[in-house]
């Protein structure tokens, strides 16, 4: 048994031992099954003459069948005719084995596995053959114990090296997270490093839009179309939505047959996916996922690596988002002051000029000149009052200045009140076609402000007649405001509801670009949605969708 003492790998050792055992006992087959303590099963590790045991990954529960009994009872067992015996492993009969002899492999008082031999013709194993197999088993057990310990040590070393490699990859990724980059530059750099660290073909980050409860594609590598097409995934739906909703990592081996909402993933030929949530201070910020163009089973180490990276990324991401928001607020404040000062200056200059003229030259002016000055004074005063009201209204709604007061409202009546005085030509410019029977549970003041701003916007930037309609269904009320103007320029639609945002066509027209922003803020407070669509064939249609109760 000098082979058992050689410094062979465990598989090489078993291969050599089985060849010698088979020859010594003049058997046709020989096999070693090693106990998997985690599952309490015997696993075929090496075989001669019955190699299928290893190829098919045969597993025998402890106590079941021939080998299971040998291990459970810790004694040698022989079977003269397996056709009349309880045999768990079908391969033994498939190979035509007639007789078996097996003995347990033990070391340090512990069962390591089973060694068995078989013959293709009926054979009664005698006591001498059993003792010979037991003597061999003692030597084999020592060799296997040594081999398993060596293998475990080698695996421990490999795990340590893998852990060190993982740490290096994490450090490579999170170095970028520690830099003073802008958010877009940060995400771009992180994805390059994450994709490399995990050996993936694609990587993407989707950030949570808390107002719509959707994940929005913000950055991507190898799947840039996600960002270009502005992909949005509702939380709880599809792959990324499930990652965010469950707050757990999710892997998909076969994208083609999985619940994947985003069609771009299949279009790009992605076969497998691994995603993990980005969480900071118990708040989900978004989802980071990687994909491969070939089928891949992501391991526990892959998942651990992505989760470790995600923890660091989430912290850096939150810091960048806060920084970005502060910059945005600072820019908004400067823009507010600039636009407010500009808009206030125009009517204020007119008012001052008229007042000065009347104060110093009133007696020298004829009645028609006085009338013109009074009309200019009135127009400038209305414009200034409207602008002041818009500025105050925007600051109130953004600051949540009061609680909502929900009450049952007659929709037609509320809308009529909201548009009262908006049109210089009365009913000829505004058509309220809402049925008298429609009611809604809502806040009167907020609803009037929304509709009033929508109609006012239509009269200033669109063209009459402005039609107001409504329809209900599925617990929602949809109110539409449609004008007959030129509609909104396609390039401006994305900024339509931004505060102080004004298109080139709005130049010279009254307003500070706050009307639609105010309407959107009130809409969100009511739990609704506000959207724009081009009219048919011309004009603009704004749809206000609110819960009925």
Protein backbone atom coordinates (compact mmCIF):
# COMPACT_ATOMS: atom_id res chain seq x y z
CA UNK A 1 0.00 0.00 0.00
CA UNK A 2 2.92 2.31 -0.62
CA UNK A 3 0.61 4.28 -2.95
CA UNK A 4 -1.43 5.32 0.06
CA UNK A 5 1.65 6.98 1.49
CA UNK A 6 2.59 8.89 -1.60
CA UNK A 7 1.91 12.58 -1.88
CA UNK A 8 -0.80 12.26 -4.50
CA UNK A 9 -3.91 14.35 -4.84
CA UNK A 10 -6.94 12.64 -3.33
CA UNK A 11 -8.42 11.74 -6.71
CA UNK A 12 -5.11 10.31 -7.94
CA UNK A 13 -4.74 8.38 -4.70
CA UNK A 14 -8.21 6.83 -4.92
CA UNK A 15 -7.70 5.90 -8.54
CA UNK A 16 -4.50 4.01 -7.70
CA UNK A 17 -5.96 2.33 -4.62
CA UNK A 18 -9.06 1.03 -6.40
CA UNK A 19 -6.96 -0.52 -9.15
CA UNK A 20 -4.95 -2.43 -6.52
CA UNK A 21 -8.03 -3.43 -4.46
CA UNK A 22 -9.78 -4.80 -7.51
CA UNK A 23 -6.71 -6.86 -8.45
CA UNK A 24 -6.15 -8.14 -4.91
CA UNK A 25 -9.73 -9.41 -4.59
CA UNK A 26 -10.05 -10.47 -8.21
CA UNK A 27 -13.19 -8.28 -8.48
CA UNK A 28 -14.69 -6.72 -11.58
CA UNK A 29 -15.63 -3.41 -9.98
CA UNK A 30 -14.46 -1.24 -7.10
CA UNK A 31 -15.76 2.06 -5.81
CA UNK A 32 -15.29 4.58 -3.04
CA UNK A 33 -18.15 6.75 -1.77
CA UNK A 34 -17.31 9.58 0.64
CA UNK A 35 -19.76 10.90 3.25
CA UNK A 36 -21.08 14.44 2.73
CA UNK A 37 -21.74 15.44 6.34
CA UNK A 38 -23.84 18.43 5.30
CA UNK A 39 -26.45 16.31 3.51
CA UNK A 40 -25.77 13.00 5.32
CA UNK A 41 -25.31 11.29 1.93
CA UNK A 42 -22.64 9.06 0.43
CA UNK A 43 -21.25 10.62 -2.77
CA UNK A 44 -19.51 8.52 -5.43
CA UNK A 45 -15.96 9.88 -5.60
CA UNK A 46 -13.97 7.23 -7.50
CA UNK A 47 -14.76 3.99 -9.34
CA UNK A 48 -13.23 1.27 -11.50
CA UNK A 49 -15.42 -0.83 -13.78
CA UNK A 50 -18.43 1.18 -12.66
CA UNK A 51 -17.33 4.70 -13.57
CA UNK A 52 -20.96 5.74 -14.15
CA UNK A 53 -21.34 6.12 -10.37
CA UNK A 54 -19.01 9.12 -10.48
CA UNK A 55 -20.14 10.46 -13.86
CA UNK A 56 -23.78 10.61 -12.74
CA UNK A 57 -22.88 11.99 -9.32
CA UNK A 58 -24.57 9.14 -7.44
CA UNK A 59 -25.73 10.03 -3.92
CA UNK A 60 -26.88 7.39 -1.41
CA UNK A 61 -28.72 8.52 1.76
CA UNK A 62 -27.13 7.17 4.93
CA UNK A 63 -28.96 3.95 5.86
CA UNK A 64 -30.51 3.42 2.42
CA UNK A 65 -29.62 0.49 0.15
CA UNK A 66 -26.36 -1.46 0.24
CA UNK A 67 -23.73 1.28 0.74
CA UNK A 68 -26.04 3.26 3.02
CA UNK A 69 -26.39 0.23 5.33
CA UNK A 70 -22.63 -0.38 5.42
CA UNK A 71 -22.01 3.21 6.56
CA UNK A 72 -24.95 3.41 8.98
CA UNK A 73 -24.18 0.06 10.65
CA UNK A 74 -20.40 0.61 10.48
CA UNK A 75 -19.77 -3.03 9.53
CA UNK A 76 -18.89 -5.08 6.46
CA UNK A 77 -21.78 -6.48 4.45
CA UNK A 78 -21.75 -8.99 1.58
CA UNK A 79 -24.54 -9.76 -0.91
CA UNK A 80 -24.34 -12.95 -2.95
CA UNK A 81 -27.29 -12.11 -5.25
CA UNK A 82 -28.21 -8.44 -5.62
CA UNK A 83 -31.39 -9.33 -7.54
CA UNK A 84 -32.82 -10.51 -4.24
CA UNK A 85 -31.41 -7.65 -2.15
CA UNK A 86 -32.39 -4.08 -1.27
CA UNK A 87 -30.20 -2.13 -3.71
CA UNK A 88 -30.69 1.68 -3.84
CA UNK A 89 -28.29 2.43 -6.69
CA UNK A 90 -29.79 1.31 -10.07
CA UNK A 91 -26.38 1.44 -11.79
CA UNK A 92 -25.30 -1.71 -9.97
CA UNK A 93 -28.01 -3.74 -11.74
CA UNK A 94 -27.53 -1.85 -15.03
CA UNK A 95 -23.87 -2.94 -15.09
CA UNK A 96 -24.83 -6.58 -14.47
CA UNK A 97 -23.15 -6.88 -11.08
CA UNK A 98 -24.24 -10.08 -9.29
CA UNK A 99 -22.42 -9.99 -5.94
CA UNK A 100 -21.12 -7.21 -3.66
CA UNK A 101 -18.83 -6.81 -0.67
CA UNK A 102 -18.59 -3.50 1.15
CA UNK A 103 -16.87 -2.19 4.26
CA UNK A 104 -16.96 1.19 6.04
CA UNK A 105 -14.10 3.65 5.84
CA UNK A 106 -13.43 5.10 9.29
CA UNK A 107 -10.76 7.31 10.86
CA UNK A 108 -10.52 9.02 14.22
CA UNK A 109 -13.79 7.35 15.24
CA UNK A 110 -15.66 8.92 12.32
CA UNK A 111 -17.21 7.34 9.22
CA UNK A 112 -15.55 8.76 6.12
CA UNK A 113 -17.38 6.65 3.55
CA UNK A 114 -17.66 3.19 2.05
CA UNK A 115 -15.39 0.96 -0.04
CA UNK A 116 -17.08 -1.77 -2.05
CA UNK A 117 -16.16 -4.32 -4.72
CA UNK A 118 -18.38 -6.34 -7.05
CA UNK A 119 -18.33 -9.29 -9.44
CA UNK A 120 -20.18 -9.88 -12.70
CA UNK A 121 -20.77 -13.54 -11.83
CA UNK A 122 -22.38 -14.84 -8.61
CA UNK A 123 -19.77 -15.08 -5.86
CA UNK A 124 -19.94 -15.90 -2.15
CA UNK A 125 -17.36 -13.66 -0.43
CA UNK A 126 -15.69 -15.66 2.38
CA UNK A 127 -14.29 -14.48 5.68
CA UNK A 128 -10.73 -14.20 4.38
CA UNK A 129 -11.86 -11.87 1.55
CA UNK A 130 -13.84 -9.75 4.00
CA UNK A 131 -10.85 -9.45 6.34
CA UNK A 132 -8.60 -8.55 3.42
CA UNK A 133 -11.02 -5.76 2.35
CA UNK A 134 -11.21 -4.52 5.96
CA UNK A 135 -7.40 -4.42 6.24
CA UNK A 136 -7.24 -2.55 2.95
CA UNK A 137 -10.04 -0.23 4.15
CA UNK A 138 -8.02 0.70 7.25
CA UNK A 139 -5.09 1.76 5.10
CA UNK A 140 -7.42 3.47 2.58
CA UNK A 141 -9.20 5.30 5.40
CA UNK A 142 -5.92 6.71 6.68
CA UNK A 143 -4.98 7.79 3.19
CA UNK A 144 -8.42 9.34 2.56
CA UNK A 145 -8.37 11.12 5.93
CA UNK A 146 -4.96 12.52 5.09
CA UNK A 147 -6.11 13.42 1.58
CA UNK A 148 -9.28 15.11 2.83
CA UNK A 149 -7.33 17.13 5.38
CA UNK A 150 -4.84 18.14 2.70
CA UNK A 151 -7.70 18.99 0.33
CA UNK A 152 -9.44 21.00 3.05
CA UNK A 153 -6.24 22.89 3.81
CA UNK A 154 -5.75 23.59 0.13
CA UNK A 155 -9.37 24.77 -0.19
CA UNK A 156 -8.93 26.95 2.90
CA UNK A 157 -5.88 28.50 1.30
CA UNK A 158 -7.79 28.98 -1.95
CA UNK A 159 -10.69 30.53 -0.01
CA UNK A 160 -8.27 32.86 1.76
CA UNK A 161 -6.70 33.81 -1.56
CA UNK A 162 -10.19 34.27 -3.05
CA UNK A 163 -11.18 36.45 -0.09
CA UNK A 164 -8.05 38.55 -0.57
CA UNK A 165 -8.84 38.86 -4.28
CA UNK A 166 -12.41 39.86 -3.45
CA UNK A 167 -11.14 42.49 -1.03
CA UNK A 168 -8.82 43.82 -3.72
CA UNK A 169 -11.72 44.05 -6.18
CA UNK A 170 -13.91 45.79 -3.60
CA UNK A 171 -11.12 48.27 -2.91
CA UNK A 172 -10.73 48.92 -6.64
CA UNK A 173 -14.42 49.65 -6.96
CA UNK A 174 -14.84 51.72 -3.82
CA UNK A 175 -11.77 53.84 -4.45
CA UNK A 176 -13.94 55.63 -7.00
CA UNK A 177 -16.69 56.02 -4.41
CA UNK A 178 -14.30 57.94 -2.16
CA UNK A 179 -13.35 60.48 -4.82
CA UNK A 180 -14.86 63.94 -5.24
CA UNK A 181 -16.67 63.10 -8.50
CA UNK A 182 -19.97 64.42 -9.75
CA UNK A 183 -22.81 61.90 -9.49
CA UNK A 184 -22.79 61.00 -13.19
CA UNK A 185 -19.00 60.64 -13.28
CA UNK A 186 -19.12 58.57 -10.09
CA UNK A 187 -21.72 56.14 -11.46
CA UNK A 188 -19.88 55.85 -14.76
CA UNK A 189 -16.59 54.96 -13.04
CA UNK A 190 -18.24 52.57 -10.57
CA UNK A 191 -19.96 50.56 -13.29
CA UNK A 192 -16.74 50.10 -15.24
CA UNK A 193 -15.06 48.70 -12.14
CA UNK A 194 -18.03 46.54 -11.03
CA UNK A 195 -18.29 44.97 -14.47
CA UNK A 196 -14.57 44.13 -14.44
CA UNK A 197 -14.59 42.81 -10.87
CA UNK A 198 -17.43 40.38 -11.59
CA UNK A 199 -16.33 39.46 -15.11
CA UNK A 200 -19.72 40.62 -16.45
CA UNK A 201 -20.68 41.99 -19.85
CA UNK A 202 -23.15 44.61 -18.64
CA UNK A 203 -23.71 46.70 -15.53
CA UNK A 204 -26.40 49.22 -14.68
CA UNK A 205 -27.69 51.39 -11.86
CA UNK A 206 -31.34 52.37 -11.52
CA UNK A 207 -32.28 55.02 -8.95
CA UNK A 208 -35.61 55.11 -7.11
CA UNK A 209 -38.00 57.92 -7.99
CA UNK A 210 -39.91 58.10 -4.70
CA UNK A 211 -42.69 60.25 -6.14
CA UNK A 212 -43.68 57.65 -8.77
CA UNK A 213 -42.28 54.60 -6.92
CA UNK A 214 -40.36 53.63 -10.04
CA UNK A 215 -36.75 52.68 -10.69
CA UNK A 216 -35.23 54.97 -13.32
CA UNK A 217 -32.17 53.91 -15.35
CA UNK A 218 -29.45 56.42 -14.47
CA UNK A 219 -26.20 54.83 -15.67
CA UNK A 220 -25.24 51.74 -17.68
CA UNK A 221 -22.29 49.99 -19.33
CA UNK A 222 -22.87 47.54 -22.16
CA UNK A 223 -26.57 48.28 -21.98
CA UNK A 224 -26.58 52.05 -22.49
CA UNK A 225 -30.04 51.83 -24.13
CA UNK A 226 -31.55 51.61 -20.61
CA UNK A 227 -30.56 55.22 -19.98
CA UNK A 228 -31.10 56.46 -23.54
CA UNK A 229 -34.70 55.23 -23.58
CA UNK A 230 -35.36 56.43 -20.03
CA UNK A 231 -36.37 52.97 -18.77
CA UNK A 232 -38.70 53.02 -15.77
CA UNK A 233 -39.49 49.90 -13.74
CA UNK A 234 -42.30 49.95 -11.13
CA UNK A 235 -41.12 48.70 -7.73
CA UNK A 236 -42.23 45.10 -7.30
CA UNK A 237 -42.38 44.31 -11.02
CA UNK A 238 -39.88 42.41 -13.13
CA UNK A 239 -36.29 41.70 -12.13
CA UNK A 240 -35.07 45.07 -10.81
CA UNK A 241 -38.47 45.85 -9.28
CA UNK A 242 -38.32 42.60 -7.30
CA UNK A 243 -34.81 43.38 -6.05
CA UNK A 244 -35.98 46.76 -4.74
CA UNK A 245 -39.25 45.45 -3.25
CA UNK A 246 -37.69 42.47 -1.44
CA UNK A 247 -34.54 44.42 -0.51
CA UNK A 248 -32.58 41.25 -1.34
CA UNK A 249 -30.17 40.11 -4.05
CA UNK A 250 -31.76 38.19 -6.92
CA UNK A 251 -30.01 36.10 -9.58
CA UNK A 252 -31.50 34.75 -12.80
CA UNK A 253 -29.69 31.99 -14.67
CA UNK A 254 -31.99 32.09 -17.74
CA UNK A 255 -33.39 35.54 -18.61
CA UNK A 256 -35.39 34.15 -21.53
CA UNK A 257 -37.69 32.17 -19.25
CA UNK A 258 -37.83 34.59 -16.31
CA UNK A 259 -40.15 37.42 -15.27
CA UNK A 260 -38.19 40.28 -16.82
CA UNK A 261 -40.13 43.51 -17.46
CA UNK A 262 -37.44 45.45 -19.35
CA UNK A 263 -37.39 44.27 -23.02
CA UNK A 264 -33.92 45.75 -23.58
CA UNK A 265 -32.39 42.95 -21.52
CA UNK A 266 -33.59 40.35 -24.02
CA UNK A 267 -32.88 42.61 -27.01
CA UNK A 268 -29.23 42.85 -25.95
CA UNK A 269 -28.99 39.06 -25.65
CA UNK A 270 -28.38 39.00 -21.90
CA UNK A 271 -28.64 35.42 -20.63
CA UNK A 272 -28.05 35.72 -16.87
CA UNK A 273 -28.48 38.51 -14.30
CA UNK A 274 -27.44 39.32 -10.74
CA UNK A 275 -28.89 42.34 -8.95
CA UNK A 276 -28.71 43.78 -5.45
CA UNK A 277 -30.43 46.75 -3.76
CA UNK A 278 -28.63 49.97 -2.96
CA UNK A 279 -29.59 50.72 0.66
CA UNK A 280 -28.36 53.49 2.92
CA UNK A 281 -29.72 54.20 6.40
CA UNK A 282 -32.48 51.62 5.79
CA UNK A 283 -33.66 53.53 2.70
CA UNK A 284 -33.67 51.94 -0.75
CA UNK A 285 -31.90 54.28 -3.15
CA UNK A 286 -32.04 52.01 -6.18
CA UNK A 287 -30.72 48.80 -7.70
CA UNK A 288 -27.39 47.77 -9.20
CA UNK A 289 -27.27 44.78 -11.53
CA UNK A 290 -24.79 42.98 -13.77
CA UNK A 291 -25.44 40.64 -16.69
CA UNK A 292 -23.67 38.16 -18.94
CA UNK A 293 -24.12 37.30 -22.60
CA UNK A 294 -23.61 33.61 -21.79
CA UNK A 295 -25.57 31.51 -19.30
CA UNK A 296 -23.93 31.72 -15.90
CA UNK A 297 -24.75 30.54 -12.40
CA UNK A 298 -23.73 33.39 -10.10
CA UNK A 299 -22.05 31.94 -7.01
CA UNK A 300 -22.42 32.94 -3.39
CA UNK A 301 -19.03 34.67 -3.71
CA UNK A 302 -20.32 36.69 -6.69
CA UNK A 303 -23.35 37.76 -4.66
CA UNK A 304 -21.23 38.62 -1.60
CA UNK A 305 -18.91 40.73 -3.73
CA UNK A 306 -21.77 42.65 -5.37
CA UNK A 307 -23.46 43.21 -1.99
CA UNK A 308 -20.25 44.48 -0.37
CA UNK A 309 -19.71 46.84 -3.30
CA UNK A 310 -23.38 47.92 -3.14
CA UNK A 311 -23.05 48.87 0.53
CA UNK A 312 -20.12 51.16 -0.23
CA UNK A 313 -21.74 52.50 -3.39
CA UNK A 314 -24.99 53.30 -1.56
CA UNK A 315 -23.15 55.44 1.00
CA UNK A 316 -21.26 57.31 -1.72
CA UNK A 317 -24.42 57.57 -3.79
CA UNK A 318 -26.43 59.10 -0.96
CA UNK A 319 -23.68 61.62 -0.35
CA UNK A 320 -23.60 62.53 -4.04
CA UNK A 321 -27.40 62.75 -4.24
CA UNK A 322 -27.49 65.09 -1.25
CA UNK A 323 -24.71 67.17 -2.79
CA UNK A 324 -26.51 67.24 -6.14
CA UNK A 325 -29.77 68.24 -4.44
CA UNK A 326 -28.05 71.04 -2.55
CA UNK A 327 -26.52 72.34 -5.78
CA UNK A 328 -29.93 72.09 -7.46
CA UNK A 329 -31.58 74.00 -4.61
CA UNK A 330 -28.86 76.63 -4.72
CA UNK A 331 -29.32 77.02 -8.49
CA UNK A 332 -33.08 77.12 -8.02
CA UNK A 333 -32.73 79.84 -5.41
CA UNK A 334 -30.53 81.94 -7.69
CA UNK A 335 -32.90 81.33 -10.60
CA UNK A 336 -35.87 82.22 -8.41
CA UNK A 337 -34.30 85.52 -7.39
CA UNK A 338 -33.22 86.32 -10.94
CA UNK A 339 -36.55 85.51 -12.59
CA UNK A 340 -38.64 86.99 -9.81
CA UNK A 341 -36.64 90.22 -9.94
CA UNK A 342 -36.95 90.36 -13.74
CA UNK A 343 -40.67 89.60 -13.77
CA UNK A 344 -41.42 92.02 -10.94
CA UNK A 345 -39.32 94.79 -12.53
CA UNK A 346 -41.44 95.00 -15.69
CA UNK A 347 -44.85 95.71 -14.09
CA UNK A 348 -43.20 97.68 -11.27
CA UNK A 349 -41.48 99.93 -13.83
CA UNK A 350 -44.79 100.53 -15.63
CA UNK A 351 -46.58 101.32 -12.36
CA UNK A 352 -43.81 103.68 -11.26
CA UNK A 353 -43.72 105.39 -14.64
CA UNK A 354 -47.50 105.90 -14.75
CA UNK A 355 -47.57 107.12 -11.15
CA UNK A 356 -44.74 109.58 -11.81
CA UNK A 357 -46.40 110.89 -14.99
CA UNK A 358 -49.74 111.37 -13.28
CA UNK A 359 -48.10 113.02 -10.27
CA UNK A 360 -46.15 115.61 -12.27
CA UNK A 361 -48.01 116.06 -15.60
CA UNK A 362 -51.64 115.19 -14.89
CA UNK A 363 -52.89 118.73 -15.55
CA UNK A 364 -51.15 118.88 -18.93
CA UNK A 365 -52.55 115.55 -20.17
CA UNK A 366 -55.70 115.30 -22.21
CA UNK A 367 -58.42 112.79 -21.12
CA UNK A 368 -57.42 110.15 -23.72
CA UNK A 369 -53.83 110.16 -22.45
CA UNK A 370 -55.03 109.82 -18.87
CA UNK A 371 -57.28 106.91 -19.86
CA UNK A 372 -54.35 105.16 -21.57
CA UNK A 373 -52.15 105.65 -18.53
CA UNK A 374 -54.86 104.31 -16.17
CA UNK A 375 -55.33 101.24 -18.41
CA UNK A 376 -51.57 100.61 -18.45
CA UNK A 377 -51.51 101.08 -14.67
CA UNK A 378 -54.33 98.53 -14.28
CA UNK A 379 -52.70 95.95 -16.57
CA UNK A 380 -49.36 96.25 -14.79
CA UNK A 381 -51.05 95.98 -11.39
CA UNK A 382 -52.90 92.81 -12.43
CA UNK A 383 -49.69 91.30 -13.75
CA UNK A 384 -47.82 92.18 -10.54
CA UNK A 385 -50.62 90.83 -8.35
CA UNK A 386 -50.76 87.57 -10.34
CA UNK A 387 -46.99 87.15 -10.15
CA UNK A 388 -46.98 87.83 -6.41
CA UNK A 389 -49.76 85.30 -5.91
CA UNK A 390 -47.87 82.68 -7.96
CA UNK A 391 -44.69 83.18 -5.94
CA UNK A 392 -46.55 82.94 -2.65
CA UNK A 393 -48.58 79.98 -3.86
CA UNK A 394 -45.48 78.07 -4.91
CA UNK A 395 -43.72 78.69 -1.59
CA UNK A 396 -46.84 77.59 0.32
CA UNK A 397 -47.45 74.35 -1.55
CA UNK A 398 -43.79 73.35 -1.58
CA UNK A 399 -43.65 74.00 2.17
CA UNK A 400 -46.86 72.01 2.81
CA UNK A 401 -48.34 75.05 4.46
CA UNK A 402 -51.60 73.40 5.51
CA UNK A 403 -53.24 70.02 5.82
CA UNK A 404 -55.65 68.86 3.10
CA UNK A 405 -59.35 69.18 3.87
CA UNK A 406 -61.12 66.44 1.93
CA UNK A 407 -64.84 66.84 1.30
CA UNK A 408 -67.38 65.66 -1.29
CA UNK A 409 -67.35 68.18 -4.15
CA UNK A 410 -69.55 68.75 -7.18
CA UNK A 411 -66.88 68.70 -9.88
CA UNK A 412 -68.62 70.98 -12.40
CA UNK A 413 -69.28 73.60 -9.73
CA UNK A 414 -65.68 73.59 -8.44
CA UNK A 415 -64.28 73.88 -11.99
CA UNK A 416 -66.62 76.77 -12.82
CA UNK A 417 -65.44 78.61 -9.73
CA UNK A 418 -61.79 77.90 -10.55
CA UNK A 419 -61.96 79.50 -14.02
CA UNK A 420 -64.13 82.45 -13.01
CA UNK A 421 -62.56 85.65 -14.25
CA UNK A 422 -59.76 83.95 -16.17
CA UNK A 423 -61.15 84.75 -19.63
CA UNK A 424 -61.61 88.26 -20.90
CA UNK A 425 -64.41 86.96 -23.16
CA UNK A 426 -66.21 84.74 -20.67
CA UNK A 427 -67.84 81.50 -21.76
CA UNK A 428 -66.85 81.96 -25.39
CA UNK A 429 -63.25 81.08 -24.54
CA UNK A 430 -63.83 78.35 -21.88
CA UNK A 431 -66.08 75.33 -22.40
CA UNK A 432 -66.94 73.39 -19.22
CA UNK A 433 -68.52 70.12 -20.45
CA UNK A 434 -68.34 68.24 -17.14
CA UNK A 435 -71.74 66.62 -16.25
CA UNK A 436 -73.59 68.04 -13.22
CA UNK A 437 -73.74 64.60 -11.61
CA UNK A 438 -69.98 64.11 -11.18
CA UNK A 439 -68.64 64.29 -7.61
CA UNK A 440 -65.21 63.74 -6.07
CA UNK A 441 -63.77 63.57 -2.56
CA UNK A 442 -60.98 66.15 -2.63
CA UNK A 443 -59.61 69.43 -1.30
CA UNK A 444 -61.53 72.37 -2.83
CA UNK A 445 -58.73 74.92 -2.71
CA UNK A 446 -56.09 72.54 -4.14
CA UNK A 447 -58.41 71.39 -6.94
CA UNK A 448 -59.32 74.97 -7.87
CA UNK A 449 -55.64 75.95 -7.94
CA UNK A 450 -54.71 73.04 -10.22
CA UNK A 451 -57.49 73.60 -12.75
CA UNK A 452 -57.18 77.37 -12.59
CA UNK A 453 -53.47 77.17 -13.41
CA UNK A 454 -54.04 74.68 -16.23
CA UNK A 455 -56.74 76.81 -17.84
CA UNK A 456 -54.77 80.02 -17.30
CA UNK A 457 -51.75 78.39 -18.94
CA UNK A 458 -53.89 77.27 -21.89
CA UNK A 459 -55.26 80.79 -22.41
CA UNK A 460 -51.81 82.42 -22.28
CA UNK A 461 -49.75 79.89 -24.22
CA UNK A 462 -52.40 78.08 -26.26
CA UNK A 463 -55.50 79.35 -28.06
CA UNK A 464 -59.23 79.33 -27.29
CA UNK A 465 -61.59 77.68 -26.97
CA UNK A 466 -60.27 75.83 -23.91
CA UNK A 467 -62.34 72.71 -23.24
CA UNK A 468 -62.62 71.13 -19.77
CA UNK A 469 -63.93 67.55 -19.59
CA UNK A 470 -63.94 64.67 -17.11
CA UNK A 471 -64.53 60.93 -16.92
CA UNK A 472 -64.35 58.41 -14.09
CA UNK A 473 -63.59 54.73 -13.73
CA UNK A 474 -61.60 52.21 -11.66
CA UNK A 475 -61.63 54.49 -8.65
CA UNK A 476 -59.98 57.37 -10.55
CA UNK A 477 -61.24 60.67 -11.97
CA UNK A 478 -59.58 62.04 -15.11
CA UNK A 479 -60.01 65.77 -15.78
CA UNK A 480 -58.75 67.06 -19.14
CA UNK A 481 -57.93 70.64 -20.20
CA UNK A 482 -57.53 71.01 -23.98
CA UNK A 483 -56.69 74.12 -26.01
CA UNK A 484 -56.41 74.76 -29.75
CA UNK A 485 -52.99 76.38 -29.95
CA UNK A 486 -49.74 75.09 -31.41
CA UNK A 487 -48.96 72.71 -28.57
CA UNK A 488 -45.66 72.36 -26.75
CA UNK A 489 -42.38 72.12 -28.63
CA UNK A 490 -41.11 68.55 -28.42
CA UNK A 491 -37.73 69.64 -27.10
CA UNK A 492 -39.34 71.48 -24.18
CA UNK A 493 -41.74 68.72 -22.99
CA UNK A 494 -39.24 67.20 -20.54
CA UNK A 495 -38.97 70.57 -18.71
CA UNK A 496 -42.63 71.48 -18.95
CA UNK A 497 -43.39 71.06 -15.22
CA UNK A 498 -40.07 72.42 -13.90
CA UNK A 499 -40.34 75.61 -11.83
CA UNK A 500 -39.31 78.82 -13.66
CA UNK A 501 -39.07 76.88 -16.91
CA UNK A 502 -40.21 78.83 -19.95
CA UNK A 503 -39.99 77.92 -23.63
CA UNK A 504 -38.69 80.26 -26.33
CA UNK A 505 -42.29 80.73 -27.53
CA UNK A 506 -43.23 82.09 -24.07
CA UNK A 507 -40.84 85.02 -24.34
CA UNK A 508 -42.68 88.30 -23.79
CA UNK A 509 -45.77 86.61 -22.30
CA UNK A 510 -46.87 87.12 -18.70
CA UNK A 511 -45.84 84.65 -16.01
CA UNK A 512 -42.75 83.36 -14.26
CA UNK A 513 -43.05 79.74 -15.39
CA UNK A 514 -44.59 78.62 -12.11
CA UNK A 515 -48.17 77.78 -13.07
CA UNK A 516 -47.61 74.18 -14.13
CA UNK A 517 -45.08 73.54 -11.35
CA UNK A 518 -47.68 74.69 -8.80
CA UNK A 519 -50.34 72.51 -10.43
CA UNK A 520 -48.03 69.48 -10.28
CA UNK A 521 -47.17 70.08 -6.61
CA UNK A 522 -50.85 70.28 -5.62
CA UNK A 523 -51.58 67.18 -7.74
CA UNK A 524 -48.96 65.15 -5.90
CA UNK A 525 -50.31 66.29 -2.55
CA UNK A 526 -53.69 64.91 -3.62
CA UNK A 527 -52.11 61.58 -4.58
CA UNK A 528 -52.71 62.13 -8.29
CA UNK A 529 -50.84 62.43 -11.57
CA UNK A 530 -50.56 65.26 -14.07
CA UNK A 531 -49.48 64.64 -17.65
CA UNK A 532 -49.23 66.36 -21.04
CA UNK A 533 -50.07 65.06 -24.50
CA UNK A 534 -50.25 66.83 -27.88
CA UNK A 535 -53.80 67.71 -28.98
CA UNK A 536 -55.48 66.20 -31.98
CA UNK A 537 -54.84 67.55 -34.55
CA UNK A 538 -53.38 70.65 -32.83
CA UNK A 539 -53.16 72.15 -29.39
CA UNK A 540 -52.25 70.69 -26.01
CA UNK A 541 -54.09 68.39 -23.61
CA UNK A 542 -53.28 68.23 -19.89
CA UNK A 543 -54.77 65.30 -17.97
CA UNK A 544 -55.27 65.48 -14.21
CA UNK A 545 -55.87 62.03 -12.70
CA UNK A 546 -57.05 61.89 -9.08
CA UNK A 547 -58.33 59.20 -6.73
CA UNK A 548 -62.13 59.45 -6.35
CA UNK A 549 -61.92 58.98 -2.59
